[in-house]
């Protein structure tokens, strides 16, 4: 809803499902524009819409709300991350510089987590909480990217739910 040059949504407004009409290029442009156009700009949604042909400011704002909703679900652990294979781009600069990783169909094999990294992961989990992979990576496990931390967390939580007597030893058995 538009009023006086501003988009206006109330708590009672229902957010319709975003039609799958966004191309990869439009999404990339949208994400870049979210960073480039200041949040406090009164004409933010119009400025972003001007960068994406065929999208109205309402479309942009709706897409933004859906993005925020999805991020909230991911951060809260409400969505399981798929089992991504580690790519060279996923490695932190420190790990990439020292890693001698074998190639496998154009991808490198992941480097196992050390006990020290896992202990720092657990400390970061206590400090920042489940889902704050960026801060755990930035302040606790500096040798791993947020994607790697999220993947490690997924494996850690799966490991914690398995019966103790039927499993072999793993780094994920280490707890605080």
N, C-alpha and C. Protein backbone atom coordinates (compact mmCIF):
# COMPACT_ATOMS: atom_id res chain seq x y z
N UNK A 1 0.82 -1.15 0.00
CA UNK A 1 0.00 0.00 0.00
C UNK A 1 0.88 1.24 0.00
N UNK A 2 0.53 2.20 -0.78
CA UNK A 2 1.35 3.40 -0.89
C UNK A 2 0.55 4.59 -0.38
N UNK A 3 1.24 5.42 0.40
CA UNK A 3 0.59 6.59 0.95
C UNK A 3 1.62 7.69 1.12
N UNK A 4 1.39 8.82 0.54
CA UNK A 4 2.29 9.96 0.72
C UNK A 4 3.72 9.68 0.33
N UNK A 5 3.95 8.83 -0.66
CA UNK A 5 5.30 8.55 -1.11
C UNK A 5 5.99 7.44 -0.35
N UNK A 6 5.34 6.89 0.67
CA UNK A 6 5.94 5.83 1.47
C UNK A 6 5.11 4.55 1.32
N UNK A 7 5.80 3.42 1.41
CA UNK A 7 5.09 2.14 1.46
C UNK A 7 4.59 1.96 2.87
N UNK A 8 3.36 1.56 3.03
CA UNK A 8 2.79 1.40 4.35
C UNK A 8 2.20 0.01 4.48
N UNK A 9 2.67 -0.73 5.46
CA UNK A 9 2.14 -2.05 5.77
C UNK A 9 1.79 -2.05 7.24
N UNK A 10 0.68 -2.64 7.57
CA UNK A 10 0.30 -2.75 8.97
C UNK A 10 0.45 -4.20 9.39
N UNK A 11 0.39 -4.44 10.68
CA UNK A 11 0.55 -5.80 11.20
C UNK A 11 -0.54 -6.73 10.67
N UNK A 12 -1.70 -6.16 10.32
CA UNK A 12 -2.80 -7.00 9.85
C UNK A 12 -2.66 -7.36 8.37
N UNK A 13 -1.74 -6.68 7.66
CA UNK A 13 -1.54 -7.00 6.25
C UNK A 13 -0.95 -8.39 6.11
N UNK A 14 -1.50 -9.16 5.22
CA UNK A 14 -0.94 -10.48 4.96
C UNK A 14 0.03 -10.35 3.80
N UNK A 15 1.17 -10.98 3.96
CA UNK A 15 2.18 -10.92 2.91
C UNK A 15 1.88 -12.05 1.94
N UNK A 16 1.53 -11.70 0.69
CA UNK A 16 1.27 -12.76 -0.28
C UNK A 16 2.56 -13.47 -0.66
N UNK A 17 2.40 -14.69 -1.12
CA UNK A 17 3.57 -15.46 -1.54
C UNK A 17 4.26 -14.74 -2.69
N UNK A 18 5.58 -14.69 -2.65
CA UNK A 18 6.35 -14.03 -3.70
C UNK A 18 6.34 -14.93 -4.93
N UNK A 19 5.81 -14.45 -6.04
CA UNK A 19 5.83 -15.29 -7.23
C UNK A 19 7.26 -15.53 -7.68
N UNK A 20 7.50 -16.70 -8.21
CA UNK A 20 8.86 -17.08 -8.62
C UNK A 20 9.20 -16.39 -9.94
N UNK A 21 9.09 -15.07 -9.95
CA UNK A 21 9.37 -14.31 -11.18
C UNK A 21 10.68 -13.54 -11.07
N UNK A 22 11.45 -13.81 -10.06
CA UNK A 22 12.73 -13.15 -9.88
C UNK A 22 13.83 -14.00 -10.49
N UNK A 23 14.57 -13.42 -11.41
CA UNK A 23 15.70 -14.15 -12.01
C UNK A 23 16.90 -14.06 -11.07
N UNK A 24 17.90 -14.87 -11.34
CA UNK A 24 19.13 -14.84 -10.55
C UNK A 24 19.77 -13.46 -10.63
N UNK A 25 19.78 -12.89 -11.82
CA UNK A 25 20.37 -11.56 -12.01
C UNK A 25 19.60 -10.49 -11.23
N UNK A 26 18.27 -10.57 -11.24
CA UNK A 26 17.46 -9.62 -10.49
C UNK A 26 17.73 -9.74 -8.98
N UNK A 27 17.86 -10.98 -8.50
CA UNK A 27 18.17 -11.19 -7.09
C UNK A 27 19.53 -10.61 -6.72
N UNK A 28 20.52 -10.80 -7.59
CA UNK A 28 21.85 -10.25 -7.31
C UNK A 28 21.80 -8.72 -7.29
N UNK A 29 21.09 -8.13 -8.25
CA UNK A 29 20.95 -6.68 -8.29
C UNK A 29 20.23 -6.18 -7.04
N UNK A 30 19.17 -6.89 -6.65
CA UNK A 30 18.40 -6.55 -5.45
C UNK A 30 19.30 -6.57 -4.22
N UNK A 31 20.10 -7.63 -4.04
CA UNK A 31 20.96 -7.75 -2.87
C UNK A 31 22.03 -6.67 -2.85
N UNK A 32 22.61 -6.35 -4.03
CA UNK A 32 23.60 -5.27 -4.09
C UNK A 32 22.96 -3.93 -3.73
N UNK A 33 21.75 -3.71 -4.24
CA UNK A 33 21.06 -2.45 -3.99
C UNK A 33 20.70 -2.30 -2.50
N UNK A 34 20.35 -3.40 -1.84
CA UNK A 34 20.05 -3.33 -0.41
C UNK A 34 21.25 -2.82 0.37
N UNK A 35 22.44 -3.18 -0.08
CA UNK A 35 23.66 -2.73 0.58
C UNK A 35 23.96 -1.28 0.20
N UNK A 36 23.77 -0.94 -1.07
CA UNK A 36 24.14 0.39 -1.57
C UNK A 36 23.19 1.50 -1.15
N UNK A 37 21.89 1.21 -1.09
CA UNK A 37 20.91 2.25 -0.77
C UNK A 37 20.70 2.24 0.75
N UNK A 38 20.98 3.35 1.43
CA UNK A 38 20.87 3.39 2.89
C UNK A 38 19.47 3.06 3.39
N UNK A 39 19.41 2.37 4.52
CA UNK A 39 18.12 1.99 5.11
C UNK A 39 17.27 3.21 5.44
N UNK A 40 17.93 4.29 5.83
CA UNK A 40 17.17 5.46 6.25
C UNK A 40 16.71 6.33 5.08
N UNK A 41 17.08 5.97 3.85
CA UNK A 41 16.65 6.76 2.68
C UNK A 41 15.13 6.69 2.54
N UNK A 42 14.45 7.84 2.51
CA UNK A 42 12.98 7.83 2.44
C UNK A 42 12.46 7.23 1.13
N UNK A 43 13.27 7.26 0.10
CA UNK A 43 12.85 6.73 -1.19
C UNK A 43 13.57 5.42 -1.53
N UNK A 44 13.96 4.69 -0.50
CA UNK A 44 14.77 3.48 -0.68
C UNK A 44 14.17 2.49 -1.67
N UNK A 45 12.90 2.16 -1.51
CA UNK A 45 12.28 1.13 -2.34
C UNK A 45 12.16 1.59 -3.79
N UNK A 46 11.97 2.89 -4.01
CA UNK A 46 11.91 3.43 -5.37
C UNK A 46 13.30 3.38 -6.01
N UNK A 47 14.32 3.72 -5.24
CA UNK A 47 15.69 3.71 -5.77
C UNK A 47 16.13 2.30 -6.13
N UNK A 48 15.73 1.34 -5.32
CA UNK A 48 16.08 -0.06 -5.64
C UNK A 48 15.28 -0.53 -6.85
N UNK A 49 13.99 -0.19 -6.89
CA UNK A 49 13.14 -0.58 -8.03
C UNK A 49 13.66 0.00 -9.34
N UNK A 50 14.24 1.19 -9.29
CA UNK A 50 14.78 1.82 -10.50
C UNK A 50 15.93 1.01 -11.09
N UNK A 51 16.57 0.18 -10.27
CA UNK A 51 17.69 -0.63 -10.73
C UNK A 51 17.25 -1.98 -11.30
N UNK A 52 15.98 -2.34 -11.09
CA UNK A 52 15.49 -3.65 -11.53
C UNK A 52 14.27 -3.43 -12.44
N UNK A 53 14.47 -3.45 -13.74
CA UNK A 53 13.37 -3.20 -14.68
C UNK A 53 12.20 -4.17 -14.44
N UNK A 54 10.98 -3.62 -14.47
CA UNK A 54 9.78 -4.43 -14.34
C UNK A 54 9.35 -4.68 -12.91
N UNK A 55 10.09 -4.17 -11.93
CA UNK A 55 9.73 -4.36 -10.53
C UNK A 55 9.28 -3.03 -9.94
N UNK A 56 8.11 -3.04 -9.31
CA UNK A 56 7.58 -1.86 -8.65
C UNK A 56 8.13 -1.79 -7.23
N UNK A 57 8.09 -0.61 -6.61
CA UNK A 57 8.56 -0.49 -5.23
C UNK A 57 7.86 -1.47 -4.29
N UNK A 58 6.58 -1.74 -4.53
CA UNK A 58 5.85 -2.71 -3.70
C UNK A 58 6.45 -4.11 -3.84
N UNK A 59 6.83 -4.47 -5.09
CA UNK A 59 7.46 -5.77 -5.33
C UNK A 59 8.78 -5.87 -4.57
N UNK A 60 9.54 -4.78 -4.58
CA UNK A 60 10.85 -4.75 -3.92
C UNK A 60 10.66 -4.92 -2.41
N UNK A 61 9.72 -4.18 -1.84
CA UNK A 61 9.49 -4.25 -0.40
C UNK A 61 8.99 -5.63 0.00
N UNK A 62 8.11 -6.22 -0.77
CA UNK A 62 7.60 -7.56 -0.49
C UNK A 62 8.75 -8.58 -0.53
N UNK A 63 9.60 -8.45 -1.55
CA UNK A 63 10.74 -9.35 -1.68
C UNK A 63 11.67 -9.20 -0.47
N UNK A 64 11.84 -7.97 0.01
CA UNK A 64 12.66 -7.69 1.18
C UNK A 64 12.06 -8.35 2.42
N UNK A 65 10.75 -8.22 2.63
CA UNK A 65 10.10 -8.83 3.78
C UNK A 65 10.25 -10.35 3.77
N UNK A 66 10.11 -10.94 2.59
CA UNK A 66 10.27 -12.40 2.48
C UNK A 66 11.72 -12.81 2.76
N UNK A 67 12.67 -12.00 2.31
CA UNK A 67 14.07 -12.28 2.59
C UNK A 67 14.35 -12.23 4.09
N UNK A 68 13.84 -11.22 4.77
CA UNK A 68 14.02 -11.09 6.22
C UNK A 68 13.39 -12.28 6.94
N UNK A 69 12.21 -12.68 6.48
CA UNK A 69 11.53 -13.84 7.08
C UNK A 69 12.38 -15.10 6.92
N UNK A 70 12.90 -15.33 5.71
CA UNK A 70 13.73 -16.51 5.45
C UNK A 70 15.00 -16.50 6.29
N UNK A 71 15.63 -15.34 6.41
CA UNK A 71 16.85 -15.24 7.21
C UNK A 71 16.55 -15.56 8.67
N UNK A 72 15.42 -15.08 9.16
CA UNK A 72 15.01 -15.38 10.53
C UNK A 72 14.83 -16.86 10.76
N UNK A 73 14.21 -17.54 9.79
CA UNK A 73 14.04 -19.00 9.90
C UNK A 73 15.38 -19.72 9.92
N UNK A 74 16.28 -19.32 9.06
CA UNK A 74 17.60 -19.96 8.99
C UNK A 74 18.37 -19.71 10.28
N UNK A 75 18.40 -18.46 10.73
CA UNK A 75 19.15 -18.11 11.94
C UNK A 75 18.61 -18.79 13.19
N UNK A 76 17.30 -19.03 13.23
CA UNK A 76 16.70 -19.65 14.40
C UNK A 76 16.82 -21.17 14.38
N UNK A 77 17.39 -21.72 13.31
CA UNK A 77 17.52 -23.17 13.20
C UNK A 77 16.25 -23.82 12.69
N UNK A 78 15.29 -23.02 12.20
CA UNK A 78 14.02 -23.55 11.71
C UNK A 78 14.13 -24.19 10.34
N UNK A 79 15.27 -24.01 9.68
CA UNK A 79 15.48 -24.60 8.36
C UNK A 79 16.81 -25.33 8.40
N UNK A 80 16.81 -26.59 8.04
CA UNK A 80 18.06 -27.34 7.99
C UNK A 80 18.82 -26.95 6.74
N UNK A 81 20.12 -26.72 6.91
CA UNK A 81 20.95 -26.41 5.76
C UNK A 81 21.21 -27.68 4.97
N UNK A 82 21.20 -27.58 3.63
CA UNK A 82 21.52 -28.77 2.83
C UNK A 82 22.98 -29.14 3.03
N UNK A 83 23.33 -30.39 2.75
CA UNK A 83 24.73 -30.81 2.94
C UNK A 83 25.62 -30.29 1.81
N UNK A 84 26.05 -29.04 1.92
CA UNK A 84 26.89 -28.43 0.90
C UNK A 84 28.26 -29.07 0.89
N UNK A 85 28.83 -29.18 -0.31
CA UNK A 85 30.23 -29.58 -0.40
C UNK A 85 31.05 -28.30 -0.28
N UNK A 86 32.19 -28.41 0.34
CA UNK A 86 33.03 -27.24 0.55
C UNK A 86 33.74 -26.90 -0.75
N UNK A 87 33.64 -25.63 -1.14
CA UNK A 87 34.35 -25.14 -2.32
C UNK A 87 35.50 -24.28 -1.85
N UNK A 88 36.44 -24.03 -2.74
CA UNK A 88 37.57 -23.20 -2.36
C UNK A 88 37.12 -21.84 -1.89
N UNK A 89 36.04 -21.30 -2.43
CA UNK A 89 35.54 -20.01 -2.02
C UNK A 89 35.00 -20.02 -0.60
N UNK A 90 34.70 -21.21 -0.05
CA UNK A 90 34.20 -21.32 1.32
C UNK A 90 35.30 -21.27 2.35
N UNK A 91 36.54 -21.43 1.92
CA UNK A 91 37.64 -21.47 2.87
C UNK A 91 37.99 -20.06 3.32
N UNK A 92 38.32 -19.92 4.60
CA UNK A 92 38.78 -18.63 5.09
C UNK A 92 40.14 -18.36 4.48
N UNK A 93 40.57 -17.10 4.40
CA UNK A 93 41.88 -16.80 3.82
C UNK A 93 43.01 -17.54 4.52
N UNK A 94 42.93 -17.68 5.86
CA UNK A 94 43.98 -18.37 6.61
C UNK A 94 44.05 -19.84 6.22
N UNK A 95 42.89 -20.49 6.12
CA UNK A 95 42.85 -21.91 5.79
C UNK A 95 43.25 -22.13 4.33
N UNK A 96 42.77 -21.27 3.43
CA UNK A 96 43.06 -21.42 2.00
C UNK A 96 44.55 -21.28 1.73
N UNK A 97 45.22 -20.39 2.46
CA UNK A 97 46.64 -20.15 2.24
C UNK A 97 47.49 -21.34 2.63
N UNK A 98 47.06 -22.08 3.64
CA UNK A 98 47.87 -23.19 4.13
C UNK A 98 47.35 -24.56 3.70
N UNK A 99 46.16 -24.60 3.11
CA UNK A 99 45.55 -25.88 2.77
C UNK A 99 46.14 -26.46 1.49
N UNK A 100 46.53 -27.72 1.58
CA UNK A 100 46.96 -28.46 0.41
C UNK A 100 45.88 -29.51 0.16
N UNK A 101 44.82 -29.09 -0.53
CA UNK A 101 43.64 -29.93 -0.66
C UNK A 101 43.60 -30.62 -2.02
N UNK A 102 43.28 -31.93 -2.03
CA UNK A 102 43.18 -32.64 -3.31
C UNK A 102 41.94 -32.18 -4.07
N UNK A 103 42.05 -32.15 -5.40
CA UNK A 103 40.92 -31.75 -6.25
C UNK A 103 40.02 -32.97 -6.49
N UNK A 104 38.71 -32.72 -6.53
CA UNK A 104 37.75 -33.77 -6.80
C UNK A 104 36.67 -33.16 -7.68
N UNK A 105 36.70 -33.47 -8.96
CA UNK A 105 35.73 -32.94 -9.92
C UNK A 105 35.61 -31.43 -9.82
N UNK A 106 36.75 -30.72 -9.78
CA UNK A 106 36.73 -29.28 -9.75
C UNK A 106 36.53 -28.68 -8.37
N UNK A 107 36.34 -29.51 -7.36
CA UNK A 107 36.17 -29.02 -5.99
C UNK A 107 37.26 -29.60 -5.11
N UNK A 108 37.55 -28.88 -4.04
CA UNK A 108 38.55 -29.37 -3.10
C UNK A 108 37.87 -30.09 -1.95
N UNK A 109 38.58 -31.07 -1.41
CA UNK A 109 38.06 -31.81 -0.28
C UNK A 109 38.21 -30.98 0.99
N UNK A 110 37.22 -31.04 1.86
CA UNK A 110 37.24 -30.25 3.09
C UNK A 110 38.33 -30.68 4.05
N UNK A 111 38.78 -29.74 4.85
CA UNK A 111 39.77 -30.00 5.89
C UNK A 111 39.04 -30.34 7.17
N UNK A 112 39.33 -31.49 7.79
CA UNK A 112 38.64 -31.85 9.04
C UNK A 112 38.88 -30.81 10.13
N UNK A 113 37.91 -30.66 11.00
CA UNK A 113 38.03 -29.73 12.11
C UNK A 113 38.95 -30.31 13.17
N UNK A 114 39.80 -29.48 13.73
CA UNK A 114 40.67 -29.91 14.81
C UNK A 114 39.89 -29.83 16.13
N UNK A 115 40.43 -30.48 17.16
CA UNK A 115 39.79 -30.41 18.48
C UNK A 115 39.75 -28.97 18.98
N UNK A 116 40.82 -28.22 18.71
CA UNK A 116 40.88 -26.83 19.14
C UNK A 116 39.77 -26.01 18.45
N UNK A 117 39.59 -26.21 17.14
CA UNK A 117 38.53 -25.49 16.43
C UNK A 117 37.16 -25.86 17.00
N UNK A 118 36.97 -27.15 17.29
CA UNK A 118 35.68 -27.58 17.83
C UNK A 118 35.43 -26.98 19.21
N UNK A 119 36.45 -26.94 20.05
CA UNK A 119 36.30 -26.32 21.38
C UNK A 119 35.96 -24.84 21.25
N UNK A 120 36.64 -24.15 20.30
CA UNK A 120 36.33 -22.73 20.08
C UNK A 120 34.91 -22.58 19.52
N UNK A 121 34.47 -23.53 18.70
CA UNK A 121 33.08 -23.53 18.19
C UNK A 121 32.10 -23.63 19.36
N UNK A 122 32.34 -24.54 20.31
CA UNK A 122 31.46 -24.70 21.46
C UNK A 122 31.44 -23.44 22.33
N UNK A 123 32.61 -22.83 22.51
CA UNK A 123 32.66 -21.58 23.27
C UNK A 123 31.85 -20.49 22.56
N UNK A 124 31.99 -20.41 21.24
CA UNK A 124 31.23 -19.43 20.46
C UNK A 124 29.75 -19.70 20.51
N UNK A 125 29.37 -20.98 20.53
CA UNK A 125 27.96 -21.36 20.62
C UNK A 125 27.38 -20.89 21.95
N UNK A 126 28.15 -21.04 23.02
CA UNK A 126 27.69 -20.55 24.34
C UNK A 126 27.59 -19.03 24.35
N UNK A 127 28.56 -18.38 23.75
CA UNK A 127 28.62 -16.91 23.79
C UNK A 127 27.56 -16.25 22.89
N UNK A 128 27.41 -16.76 21.65
CA UNK A 128 26.55 -16.09 20.67
C UNK A 128 25.22 -16.79 20.43
N UNK A 129 25.14 -18.08 20.77
CA UNK A 129 23.90 -18.81 20.60
C UNK A 129 23.78 -19.49 19.24
N UNK A 130 22.85 -20.42 19.19
CA UNK A 130 22.61 -21.20 17.98
C UNK A 130 22.10 -20.29 16.87
N UNK A 131 22.70 -20.40 15.70
CA UNK A 131 22.25 -19.65 14.54
C UNK A 131 23.09 -18.43 14.23
N UNK A 132 23.92 -17.97 15.16
CA UNK A 132 24.75 -16.79 14.90
C UNK A 132 26.10 -17.23 14.36
N UNK A 133 26.07 -17.90 13.22
CA UNK A 133 27.28 -18.50 12.63
C UNK A 133 28.30 -17.43 12.25
N UNK A 134 27.81 -16.26 11.83
CA UNK A 134 28.73 -15.21 11.41
C UNK A 134 29.60 -14.76 12.58
N UNK A 135 29.00 -14.50 13.73
CA UNK A 135 29.80 -14.06 14.88
C UNK A 135 30.65 -15.18 15.45
N UNK A 136 30.16 -16.41 15.41
CA UNK A 136 30.98 -17.54 15.88
C UNK A 136 32.22 -17.65 15.00
N UNK A 137 32.03 -17.49 13.68
CA UNK A 137 33.16 -17.54 12.75
C UNK A 137 34.10 -16.35 12.96
N UNK A 138 33.53 -15.18 13.12
CA UNK A 138 34.31 -13.95 13.22
C UNK A 138 35.10 -13.86 14.52
N UNK A 139 34.51 -14.30 15.65
CA UNK A 139 35.14 -14.07 16.94
C UNK A 139 35.65 -15.33 17.64
N UNK A 140 35.17 -16.52 17.25
CA UNK A 140 35.58 -17.73 17.97
C UNK A 140 36.41 -18.67 17.10
N UNK A 141 35.89 -19.04 15.95
CA UNK A 141 36.59 -19.97 15.06
C UNK A 141 37.02 -19.20 13.83
N UNK A 142 38.08 -18.41 13.97
CA UNK A 142 38.50 -17.49 12.92
C UNK A 142 39.05 -18.20 11.69
N UNK A 143 39.33 -19.50 11.80
CA UNK A 143 39.87 -20.25 10.67
C UNK A 143 38.78 -20.83 9.78
N UNK A 144 37.50 -20.59 10.12
CA UNK A 144 36.39 -21.14 9.36
C UNK A 144 35.40 -20.04 8.98
N UNK A 145 34.75 -20.22 7.83
CA UNK A 145 33.75 -19.26 7.36
C UNK A 145 32.41 -19.54 8.05
N UNK A 146 31.48 -18.58 7.99
CA UNK A 146 30.15 -18.83 8.57
C UNK A 146 29.47 -20.06 7.97
N UNK A 147 29.66 -20.30 6.69
CA UNK A 147 29.07 -21.48 6.05
C UNK A 147 29.65 -22.75 6.64
N UNK A 148 30.95 -22.77 6.87
CA UNK A 148 31.58 -23.95 7.45
C UNK A 148 31.13 -24.15 8.90
N UNK A 149 30.97 -23.06 9.63
CA UNK A 149 30.51 -23.15 11.02
C UNK A 149 29.08 -23.70 11.06
N UNK A 150 28.22 -23.22 10.16
CA UNK A 150 26.84 -23.70 10.10
C UNK A 150 26.79 -25.19 9.77
N UNK A 151 27.62 -25.61 8.84
CA UNK A 151 27.68 -27.02 8.47
C UNK A 151 28.17 -27.87 9.64
N UNK A 152 29.19 -27.37 10.34
CA UNK A 152 29.72 -28.08 11.50
C UNK A 152 28.65 -28.18 12.59
N UNK A 153 27.90 -27.10 12.79
CA UNK A 153 26.83 -27.10 13.79
C UNK A 153 25.76 -28.12 13.44
N UNK A 154 25.40 -28.19 12.16
CA UNK A 154 24.39 -29.15 11.74
C UNK A 154 24.85 -30.58 12.07
N UNK A 155 26.09 -30.89 11.77
CA UNK A 155 26.63 -32.22 12.07
C UNK A 155 26.70 -32.45 13.58
N UNK A 156 27.09 -31.41 14.31
CA UNK A 156 27.19 -31.50 15.76
C UNK A 156 25.82 -31.82 16.37
N UNK A 157 24.79 -31.10 15.97
CA UNK A 157 23.46 -31.33 16.54
C UNK A 157 22.89 -32.70 16.13
N UNK A 158 23.17 -33.13 14.92
CA UNK A 158 22.74 -34.48 14.51
C UNK A 158 23.43 -35.52 15.37
N UNK A 159 24.72 -35.31 15.61
CA UNK A 159 25.51 -36.26 16.40
C UNK A 159 24.98 -36.36 17.84
N UNK A 160 24.54 -35.23 18.39
CA UNK A 160 24.04 -35.21 19.76
C UNK A 160 22.73 -35.99 19.89
N UNK A 161 21.98 -36.12 18.79
CA UNK A 161 20.69 -36.80 18.86
C UNK A 161 20.79 -38.31 18.63
N UNK A 162 21.97 -38.83 18.29
CA UNK A 162 22.17 -40.25 18.02
C UNK A 162 22.42 -40.98 19.34
N UNK A 163 21.93 -42.23 19.45
CA UNK A 163 22.16 -43.03 20.67
C UNK A 163 23.65 -43.23 20.89
N UNK A 164 24.07 -43.10 22.14
CA UNK A 164 25.49 -43.16 22.51
C UNK A 164 26.14 -44.51 22.21
N UNK A 165 25.46 -45.63 22.52
CA UNK A 165 26.10 -46.95 22.41
C UNK A 165 26.36 -47.39 20.97
N UNK A 166 25.66 -46.80 20.00
CA UNK A 166 25.77 -47.30 18.63
C UNK A 166 26.69 -46.45 17.76
N UNK A 167 27.41 -45.52 18.35
CA UNK A 167 28.21 -44.66 17.49
C UNK A 167 29.69 -44.78 17.78
N UNK A 168 30.49 -44.55 16.75
CA UNK A 168 31.93 -44.55 16.93
C UNK A 168 32.36 -43.16 17.40
N UNK A 169 33.58 -43.04 17.87
CA UNK A 169 34.06 -41.76 18.39
C UNK A 169 34.13 -40.72 17.28
N UNK A 170 33.83 -39.47 17.67
CA UNK A 170 33.84 -38.36 16.74
C UNK A 170 34.20 -37.09 17.48
N UNK A 171 34.70 -36.13 16.76
CA UNK A 171 35.00 -34.82 17.33
C UNK A 171 33.73 -34.18 17.87
N UNK A 172 32.59 -34.54 17.30
CA UNK A 172 31.30 -33.98 17.72
C UNK A 172 30.87 -34.48 19.10
N UNK A 173 31.58 -35.47 19.65
CA UNK A 173 31.26 -35.97 20.99
C UNK A 173 31.80 -35.04 22.07
N UNK A 174 32.71 -34.17 21.72
CA UNK A 174 33.31 -33.25 22.70
C UNK A 174 32.27 -32.18 23.02
N UNK A 175 31.99 -32.03 24.31
CA UNK A 175 31.04 -31.01 24.75
C UNK A 175 31.70 -30.14 25.80
N UNK A 176 31.03 -29.06 26.19
CA UNK A 176 31.61 -28.15 27.20
C UNK A 176 31.38 -28.69 28.59
